[in-house]
C-alpha atoms as a PDB file:
ATOM      1  CA  UNK A   1       0.000   0.000   0.000  1.00  0.00           C
ATOM      2  CA  UNK A   2       2.913   2.363   0.587  1.00  0.00           C
ATOM      3  CA  UNK A   3       3.944   1.886  -3.039  1.00  0.00           C
ATOM      4  CA  UNK A   4       0.432   2.792  -4.206  1.00  0.00           C
ATOM      5  CA  UNK A   5       0.481   5.857  -1.933  1.00  0.00           C
ATOM      6  CA  UNK A   6       3.751   7.063  -3.445  1.00  0.00           C
ATOM      7  CA  UNK A   7       2.458   6.482  -6.985  1.00  0.00           C
ATOM      8  CA  UNK A   8      -0.642   8.554  -6.263  1.00  0.00           C
ATOM      9  CA  UNK A   9       1.464  11.329  -4.735  1.00  0.00           C
ATOM     10  CA  UNK A  10       3.722  11.421  -7.793  1.00  0.00           C
ATOM     11  CA  UNK A  11       0.753  11.532 -10.165  1.00  0.00           C
ATOM     12  CA  UNK A  12      -0.757  14.393  -8.178  1.00  0.00           C
ATOM     13  CA  UNK A  13       2.468  16.389  -8.341  1.00  0.00           C
ATOM     14  CA  UNK A  14       2.624  16.019 -12.119  1.00  0.00           C
ATOM     15  CA  UNK A  15      -1.003  16.862 -12.851  1.00  0.00           C
ATOM     16  CA  UNK A  16      -1.150  19.843 -10.472  1.00  0.00           C
ATOM     17  CA  UNK A  17       1.372  21.761 -12.613  1.00  0.00           C
ATOM     18  CA  UNK A  18      -1.454  22.789 -14.981  1.00  0.00           C
ATOM     19  CA  UNK A  19      -2.935  26.254 -14.436  1.00  0.00           C
ATOM     20  CA  UNK A  20      -6.099  26.492 -12.340  1.00  0.00           C
ATOM     21  CA  UNK A  21      -6.116  22.728 -11.746  1.00  0.00           C
ATOM     22  CA  UNK A  22      -8.647  21.474  -9.184  1.00  0.00           C
ATOM     23  CA  UNK A  23      -7.777  18.054  -7.721  1.00  0.00           C
ATOM     24  CA  UNK A  24      -9.586  15.880  -5.210  1.00  0.00           C
ATOM     25  CA  UNK A  25      -7.759  12.897  -3.669  1.00  0.00           C
ATOM     26  CA  UNK A  26      -9.230  10.024  -1.740  1.00  0.00           C
ATOM     27  CA  UNK A  27      -6.791   7.441  -0.323  1.00  0.00           C
ATOM     28  CA  UNK A  28      -8.032   4.225   1.167  1.00  0.00           C
ATOM     29  CA  UNK A  29      -5.992   2.037   3.486  1.00  0.00           C
ATOM     30  CA  UNK A  30      -7.214  -1.121   5.244  1.00  0.00           C
ATOM     31  CA  UNK A  31     -10.751  -0.550   3.870  1.00  0.00           C
ATOM     32  CA  UNK A  32     -10.996   2.839   5.676  1.00  0.00           C
ATOM     33  CA  UNK A  33     -10.850   6.332   4.247  1.00  0.00           C
ATOM     34  CA  UNK A  34      -8.040   8.175   5.986  1.00  0.00           C
ATOM     35  CA  UNK A  35      -7.957  11.581   4.244  1.00  0.00           C
ATOM     36  CA  UNK A  36      -9.757  13.611   1.639  1.00  0.00           C
ATOM     37  CA  UNK A  37      -8.140  16.843   0.542  1.00  0.00           C
ATOM     38  CA  UNK A  38      -9.108  19.390  -2.112  1.00  0.00           C
ATOM     39  CA  UNK A  39      -6.994  22.285  -3.283  1.00  0.00           C
ATOM     40  CA  UNK A  40      -6.158  24.320  -6.394  1.00  0.00           C
ATOM     41  CA  UNK A  41      -2.782  25.207  -7.785  1.00  0.00           C
ATOM     42  CA  UNK A  42      -2.145  28.295  -9.894  1.00  0.00           C
ATOM     43  CA  UNK A  43       0.953  28.573 -12.057  1.00  0.00           C
ATOM     44  CA  UNK A  44       2.410  32.047 -11.892  1.00  0.00           C
ATOM     45  CA  UNK A  45       2.406  33.779 -15.268  1.00  0.00           C
ATOM     46  CA  UNK A  46       5.890  34.645 -16.399  1.00  0.00           C
ATOM     47  CA  UNK A  47       7.335  37.337 -18.630  1.00  0.00           C
ATOM     48  CA  UNK A  48       7.092  36.162 -22.239  1.00  0.00           C
ATOM     49  CA  UNK A  49       8.984  37.264 -25.347  1.00  0.00           C
ATOM     50  CA  UNK A  50       7.505  37.899 -28.794  1.00  0.00           C
ATOM     51  CA  UNK A  51       8.830  38.815 -32.218  1.00  0.00           C
ATOM     52  CA  UNK A  52       6.243  40.822 -34.142  1.00  0.00           C
ATOM     53  CA  UNK A  53       5.960  42.053 -37.716  1.00  0.00           C
ATOM     54  CA  UNK A  54       3.800  45.061 -38.574  1.00  0.00           C
ATOM     55  CA  UNK A  55       2.693  45.455 -42.199  1.00  0.00           C
ATOM     56  CA  UNK A  56       0.310  48.124 -43.420  1.00  0.00           C
ATOM     57  CA  UNK A  57      -0.298  51.423 -45.161  1.00  0.00           C
ATOM     58  CA  UNK A  58       0.662  54.917 -44.049  1.00  0.00           C
ATOM     59  CA  UNK A  59       0.087  58.458 -45.227  1.00  0.00           C
ATOM     60  CA  UNK A  60      -0.205  62.082 -44.177  1.00  0.00           C
ATOM     61  CA  UNK A  61      -3.438  63.664 -42.967  1.00  0.00           C
ATOM     62  CA  UNK A  62      -4.315  67.328 -43.092  1.00  0.00           C
ATOM     63  CA  UNK A  63      -3.717  69.996 -45.708  1.00  0.00           C
ATOM     64  CA  UNK A  64      -0.605  69.358 -47.786  1.00  0.00           C
ATOM     65  CA  UNK A  65       1.183  71.747 -50.174  1.00  0.00           C
ATOM     66  CA  UNK A  66       0.865  71.252 -53.904  1.00  0.00           C
ATOM     67  CA  UNK A  67       2.953  68.317 -55.108  1.00  0.00           C
ATOM     68  CA  UNK A  68       2.659  66.289 -51.906  1.00  0.00           C
ATOM     69  CA  UNK A  69       0.217  63.765 -53.330  1.00  0.00           C
ATOM     70  CA  UNK A  70       0.985  60.170 -52.389  1.00  0.00           C
ATOM     71  CA  UNK A  71      -0.162  56.815 -53.693  1.00  0.00           C
ATOM     72  CA  UNK A  72      -2.524  55.312 -51.098  1.00  0.00           C
ATOM     73  CA  UNK A  73      -1.489  51.710 -51.803  1.00  0.00           C
ATOM     74  CA  UNK A  74       2.172  52.346 -52.575  1.00  0.00           C
ATOM     75  CA  UNK A  75       2.774  54.206 -49.304  1.00  0.00           C
ATOM     76  CA  UNK A  76       3.553  51.383 -46.890  1.00  0.00           C
ATOM     77  CA  UNK A  77       4.519  50.926 -43.252  1.00  0.00           C
ATOM     78  CA  UNK A  78       6.714  48.074 -41.963  1.00  0.00           C
ATOM     79  CA  UNK A  79       8.079  47.458 -38.468  1.00  0.00           C
ATOM     80  CA  UNK A  80       9.948  44.652 -36.707  1.00  0.00           C
ATOM     81  CA  UNK A  81       9.471  44.455 -32.941  1.00  0.00           C
ATOM     82  CA  UNK A  82      11.139  42.490 -30.149  1.00  0.00           C
ATOM     83  CA  UNK A  83       8.601  42.666 -27.350  1.00  0.00           C
ATOM     84  CA  UNK A  84       8.243  41.537 -23.745  1.00  0.00           C
ATOM     85  CA  UNK A  85       4.809  40.758 -22.279  1.00  0.00           C
ATOM     86  CA  UNK A  86       4.956  41.567 -18.562  1.00  0.00           C
ATOM     87  CA  UNK A  87       1.962  40.391 -16.467  1.00  0.00           C
ATOM     88  CA  UNK A  88       0.460  43.092 -14.243  1.00  0.00           C
ATOM     89  CA  UNK A  89      -2.865  41.479 -13.316  1.00  0.00           C
ATOM     90  CA  UNK A  90      -2.928  37.739 -13.988  1.00  0.00           C
ATOM     91  CA  UNK A  91      -5.934  36.700 -11.887  1.00  0.00           C
ATOM     92  CA  UNK A  92      -9.506  36.497 -13.073  1.00  0.00           C
ATOM     93  CA  UNK A  93     -11.084  36.362 -16.505  1.00  0.00           C
ATOM     94  CA  UNK A  94      -9.548  39.664 -17.636  1.00  0.00           C
ATOM     95  CA  UNK A  95      -5.766  39.954 -17.589  1.00  0.00           C
ATOM     96  CA  UNK A  96      -3.615  43.063 -17.886  1.00  0.00           C
ATOM     97  CA  UNK A  97      -0.118  42.999 -19.363  1.00  0.00           C
ATOM     98  CA  UNK A  98       2.519  45.577 -20.181  1.00  0.00           C
ATOM     99  CA  UNK A  99       3.952  45.097 -23.674  1.00  0.00           C
ATOM    100  CA  UNK A 100       7.194  46.874 -24.517  1.00  0.00           C
ATOM    101  CA  UNK A 101      10.458  46.403 -26.356  1.00  0.00           C
ATOM    102  CA  UNK A 102      12.535  47.954 -29.143  1.00  0.00           C
ATOM    103  CA  UNK A 103      11.387  48.031 -32.740  1.00  0.00           C
ATOM    104  CA  UNK A 104      12.709  49.344 -36.017  1.00  0.00           C
ATOM    105  CA  UNK A 105      10.111  50.958 -38.288  1.00  0.00           C
ATOM    106  CA  UNK A 106      10.007  52.191 -41.883  1.00  0.00           C
ATOM    107  CA  UNK A 107       7.604  54.774 -43.305  1.00  0.00           C
ATOM    108  CA  UNK A 108       7.433  54.761 -47.107  1.00  0.00           C
ATOM    109  CA  UNK A 109       5.659  57.723 -48.716  1.00  0.00           C
ATOM    110  CA  UNK A 110       5.225  57.033 -52.436  1.00  0.00           C
ATOM    111  CA  UNK A 111       4.726  60.131 -54.613  1.00  0.00           C
ATOM    112  CA  UNK A 112       2.096  60.240 -57.339  1.00  0.00           C
ATOM    113  CA  UNK A 113       3.193  60.632 -60.950  1.00  0.00           C
ATOM    114  CA  UNK A 114       6.721  61.859 -61.636  1.00  0.00           C
ATOM    115  CA  UNK A 115       7.092  64.035 -58.546  1.00  0.00           C
ATOM    116  CA  UNK A 116      10.361  63.883 -56.621  1.00  0.00           C
ATOM    117  CA  UNK A 117      11.458  65.477 -53.345  1.00  0.00           C
ATOM    118  CA  UNK A 118      14.657  67.541 -53.379  1.00  0.00           C
ATOM    119  CA  UNK A 119      16.390  69.386 -50.534  1.00  0.00           C
ATOM    120  CA  UNK A 120      18.008  72.680 -51.590  1.00  0.00           C
ATOM    121  CA  UNK A 121      19.415  75.333 -49.237  1.00  0.00           C
ATOM    122  CA  UNK A 122      17.609  73.764 -46.290  1.00  0.00           C
ATOM    123  CA  UNK A 123      14.312  73.941 -48.170  1.00  0.00           C
ATOM    124  CA  UNK A 124      12.214  71.087 -49.534  1.00  0.00           C
ATOM    125  CA  UNK A 125      11.135  71.321 -53.151  1.00  0.00           C
ATOM    126  CA  UNK A 126       8.838  68.955 -55.028  1.00  0.00           C
ATOM    127  CA  UNK A 127       9.944  68.736 -58.653  1.00  0.00           C
ATOM    128  CA  UNK A 128       8.513  66.915 -61.631  1.00  0.00           C
ATOM    129  CA  UNK A 129      11.070  64.665 -63.307  1.00  0.00           C
ATOM    130  CA  UNK A 130      11.570  65.011 -67.062  1.00  0.00           C
ATOM    131  CA  UNK A 131      11.415  61.219 -67.472  1.00  0.00           C
ATOM    132  CA  UNK A 132       8.758  58.679 -66.603  1.00  0.00           C
ATOM    133  CA  UNK A 133       9.270  57.333 -63.105  1.00  0.00           C
ATOM    134  CA  UNK A 134       8.310  53.892 -61.971  1.00  0.00           C
ATOM    135  CA  UNK A 135       8.852  54.786 -58.333  1.00  0.00           C
ATOM    136  CA  UNK A 136       9.581  57.931 -56.312  1.00  0.00           C
ATOM    137  CA  UNK A 137       9.334  57.875 -52.541  1.00  0.00           C
ATOM    138  CA  UNK A 138      10.551  59.306 -49.253  1.00  0.00           C
ATOM    139  CA  UNK A 139      11.631  56.690 -46.703  1.00  0.00           C
ATOM    140  CA  UNK A 140      12.236  57.246 -42.996  1.00  0.00           C
ATOM    141  CA  UNK A 141      13.767  54.692 -40.636  1.00  0.00           C
ATOM    142  CA  UNK A 142      13.470  55.043 -36.897  1.00  0.00           C
ATOM    143  CA  UNK A 143      14.175  53.091 -33.733  1.00  0.00           C
ATOM    144  CA  UNK A 144      11.073  53.086 -31.521  1.00  0.00           C
ATOM    145  CA  UNK A 145      10.180  52.067 -27.995  1.00  0.00           C
ATOM    146  CA  UNK A 146       6.433  51.353 -27.690  1.00  0.00           C
ATOM    147  CA  UNK A 147       4.734  51.000 -24.293  1.00  0.00           C
ATOM    148  CA  UNK A 148       1.331  49.304 -24.514  1.00  0.00           C
ATOM    149  CA  UNK A 149      -1.198  48.239 -21.871  1.00  0.00           C
ATOM    150  CA  UNK A 150      -2.832  45.054 -23.152  1.00  0.00           C
ATOM    151  CA  UNK A 151      -6.174  43.723 -21.899  1.00  0.00           C
ATOM    152  CA  UNK A 152      -6.924  40.050 -22.533  1.00  0.00           C
ATOM    153  CA  UNK A 153     -10.473  38.725 -22.075  1.00  0.00           C
ATOM    154  CA  UNK A 154     -11.791  35.215 -21.470  1.00  0.00           C
ATOM    155  CA  UNK A 155     -13.118  35.059 -25.036  1.00  0.00           C
ATOM    156  CA  UNK A 156      -9.572  35.455 -26.353  1.00  0.00           C
ATOM    157  CA  UNK A 157     -10.111  39.042 -27.496  1.00  0.00           C
ATOM    158  CA  UNK A 158      -7.195  41.367 -26.752  1.00  0.00           C
ATOM    159  CA  UNK A 159      -7.110  45.166 -26.759  1.00  0.00           C
ATOM    160  CA  UNK A 160      -3.926  47.204 -26.538  1.00  0.00           C
ATOM    161  CA  UNK A 161      -3.632  50.951 -25.941  1.00  0.00           C
ATOM    162  CA  UNK A 162      -0.374  52.833 -25.665  1.00  0.00           C
ATOM    163  CA  UNK A 163       2.190  55.192 -27.103  1.00  0.00           C
ATOM    164  CA  UNK A 164       5.650  55.104 -28.625  1.00  0.00           C
ATOM    165  CA  UNK A 165       8.629  57.374 -29.130  1.00  0.00           C
ATOM    166  CA  UNK A 166      11.553  56.953 -31.465  1.00  0.00           C
ATOM    167  CA  UNK A 167      14.742  58.324 -32.948  1.00  0.00           C
ATOM    168  CA  UNK A 168      15.248  58.767 -36.677  1.00  0.00           C
ATOM    169  CA  UNK A 169      18.261  56.715 -37.758  1.00  0.00           C
ATOM    170  CA  UNK A 170      18.024  57.225 -41.526  1.00  0.00           C
ATOM    171  CA  UNK A 171      16.023  58.983 -44.222  1.00  0.00           C
ATOM    172  CA  UNK A 172      16.365  59.021 -47.987  1.00  0.00           C
ATOM    173  CA  UNK A 173      14.563  59.394 -51.281  1.00  0.00           C
ATOM    174  CA  UNK A 174      14.444  56.527 -53.744  1.00  0.00           C
ATOM    175  CA  UNK A 175      13.801  57.303 -57.393  1.00  0.00           C
ATOM    176  CA  UNK A 176      13.565  54.687 -60.123  1.00  0.00           C
ATOM    177  CA  UNK A 177      13.057  55.714 -63.739  1.00  0.00           C
ATOM    178  CA  UNK A 178      11.612  53.311 -66.294  1.00  0.00           C
ATOM    179  CA  UNK A 179      14.358  50.963 -67.473  1.00  0.00           C
ATOM    180  CA  UNK A 180      16.962  52.381 -65.080  1.00  0.00           C
ATOM    181  CA  UNK A 181      18.392  51.481 -61.696  1.00  0.00           C
ATOM    182  CA  UNK A 182      16.969  52.989 -58.523  1.00  0.00           C
ATOM    183  CA  UNK A 183      18.890  55.919 -57.047  1.00  0.00           C
ATOM    184  CA  UNK A 184      18.931  56.565 -53.302  1.00  0.00           C
ATOM    185  CA  UNK A 185      19.789  60.003 -51.931  1.00  0.00           C
ATOM    186  CA  UNK A 186      20.305  60.110 -48.162  1.00  0.00           C
ATOM    187  CA  UNK A 187      19.681  63.288 -46.188  1.00  0.00           C
ATOM    188  CA  UNK A 188      17.793  64.787 -43.269  1.00  0.00           C
ATOM    189  CA  UNK A 189      15.036  66.294 -45.466  1.00  0.00           C
ATOM    190  CA  UNK A 190      14.198  68.620 -42.559  1.00  0.00           C
ATOM    191  CA  UNK A 191      12.777  65.695 -40.600  1.00  0.00           C
ATOM    192  CA  UNK A 192      12.608  65.787 -36.819  1.00  0.00           C
ATOM    193  CA  UNK A 193      15.137  63.632 -35.022  1.00  0.00           C
ATOM    194  CA  UNK A 194      12.520  62.531 -32.464  1.00  0.00           C
ATOM    195  CA  UNK A 195       9.017  61.306 -33.271  1.00  0.00           C
ATOM    196  CA  UNK A 196       6.204  60.036 -31.084  1.00  0.00           C
ATOM    197  CA  UNK A 197       2.699  58.744 -31.512  1.00  0.00           C
ATOM    198  CA  UNK A 198      -0.270  56.823 -30.155  1.00  0.00           C
ATOM    199  CA  UNK A 199      -1.101  53.221 -30.983  1.00  0.00           C
ATOM    200  CA  UNK A 200      -3.895  50.707 -30.537  1.00  0.00           C
ATOM    201  CA  UNK A 201      -4.089  46.981 -31.340  1.00  0.00           C
ATOM    202  CA  UNK A 202      -7.151  44.720 -31.530  1.00  0.00           C
ATOM    203  CA  UNK A 203      -7.441  41.000 -32.202  1.00  0.00           C
ATOM    204  CA  UNK A 204      -7.432  37.525 -30.697  1.00  0.00           C
ATOM    205  CA  UNK A 205      -4.683  35.684 -28.885  1.00  0.00           C
ATOM    206  CA  UNK A 206      -2.288  33.807 -31.177  1.00  0.00           C
ATOM    207  CA  UNK A 207      -3.884  35.419 -34.256  1.00  0.00           C
ATOM    208  CA  UNK A 208      -3.035  38.374 -36.484  1.00  0.00           C
ATOM    209  CA  UNK A 209      -4.175  41.678 -34.989  1.00  0.00           C
ATOM    210  CA  UNK A 210      -5.289  44.983 -36.433  1.00  0.00           C
ATOM    211  CA  UNK A 211      -3.194  48.004 -35.485  1.00  0.00           C
ATOM    212  CA  UNK A 212      -3.585  51.743 -35.884  1.00  0.00           C
ATOM    213  CA  UNK A 213      -0.928  54.387 -35.213  1.00  0.00           C
ATOM    214  CA  UNK A 214      -1.264  58.143 -35.181  1.00  0.00           C
ATOM    215  CA  UNK A 215       1.409  60.817 -34.868  1.00  0.00           C
ATOM    216  CA  UNK A 216      -0.307  64.162 -34.163  1.00  0.00           C
ATOM    217  CA  UNK A 217       2.881  66.157 -34.709  1.00  0.00           C
ATOM    218  CA  UNK A 218       4.376  66.636 -38.166  1.00  0.00           C
ATOM    219  CA  UNK A 219       7.529  64.577 -38.807  1.00  0.00           C
ATOM    220  CA  UNK A 220       9.070  67.698 -40.377  1.00  0.00           C
ATOM    221  CA  UNK A 221      10.699  70.530 -38.476  1.00  0.00           C
ATOM    222  CA  UNK A 222       8.398  73.541 -37.934  1.00  0.00           C
ATOM    223  CA  UNK A 223       8.321  75.819 -40.974  1.00  0.00           C
ATOM    224  CA  UNK A 224      10.641  73.561 -42.980  1.00  0.00           C
ATOM    225  CA  UNK A 225       8.155  71.021 -44.300  1.00  0.00           C
ATOM    226  CA  UNK A 226       4.454  70.166 -44.519  1.00  0.00           C
ATOM    227  CA  UNK A 227       2.551  70.642 -41.256  1.00  0.00           C
ATOM    228  CA  UNK A 228       0.657  67.360 -41.350  1.00  0.00           C
ATOM    229  CA  UNK A 229       0.158  64.395 -39.046  1.00  0.00           C
ATOM    230  CA  UNK A 230       0.997  60.796 -39.959  1.00  0.00           C
ATOM    231  CA  UNK A 231      -1.130  57.663 -39.621  1.00  0.00           C
ATOM    232  CA  UNK A 232      -0.550  53.965 -40.256  1.00  0.00           C
ATOM    233  CA  UNK A 233      -2.975  51.036 -40.305  1.00  0.00           C
ATOM    234  CA  UNK A 234      -2.466  47.339 -40.958  1.00  0.00           C
ATOM    235  CA  UNK A 235      -1.852  43.946 -39.414  1.00  0.00           C
ATOM    236  CA  UNK A 236       0.425  42.788 -36.621  1.00  0.00           C
ATOM    237  CA  UNK A 237       1.669  39.261 -37.342  1.00  0.00           C
END
């Protein structure tokens, strides 16, 4: 009977590792019930790591000067994020987590037609190329740190609300004429070194999520570029 007792104890130890497990044990010895015990074991939620890919569209909102017309589909947003999910409230049906970690993000603003952006004497000028262009865009690259409060519900639905700030690490124009190689021209283009914005994410656990980002402040320095906000919308994979 001691061997059976030890086997039952071992089985209990293994099965109780599951979250929110409820176990009832009844042990009989010499045809008499000696003990009945009921308890629950909760596994503490740990900090988890995620690698996320953001893919979507971006553009300016507000009144833009003549020449700043962008292709709605060609203007794309991409970001790669290394995130930590830190549990804040892990009990109950609704859980609260802090999601944060570095990311690198690219804004691609694709000009309509043959327009190109040129920086001359610290001023931005939109010119029309004298050849047909297959592609003409302004690209910004920045290193961001988002901080998001994420609510997770019993149904699996998750809602994230937060903000981010970042440093511009590169910016350039990329122009490709028909039948020619693409030409990149790196420069500041009067862009702010620091950018910030608000973000929200909605979806289900372990599934692709919708995201929306909004930067209320223009990415350009005051008086040296269009005074327009920036938005991005797409999927978080």
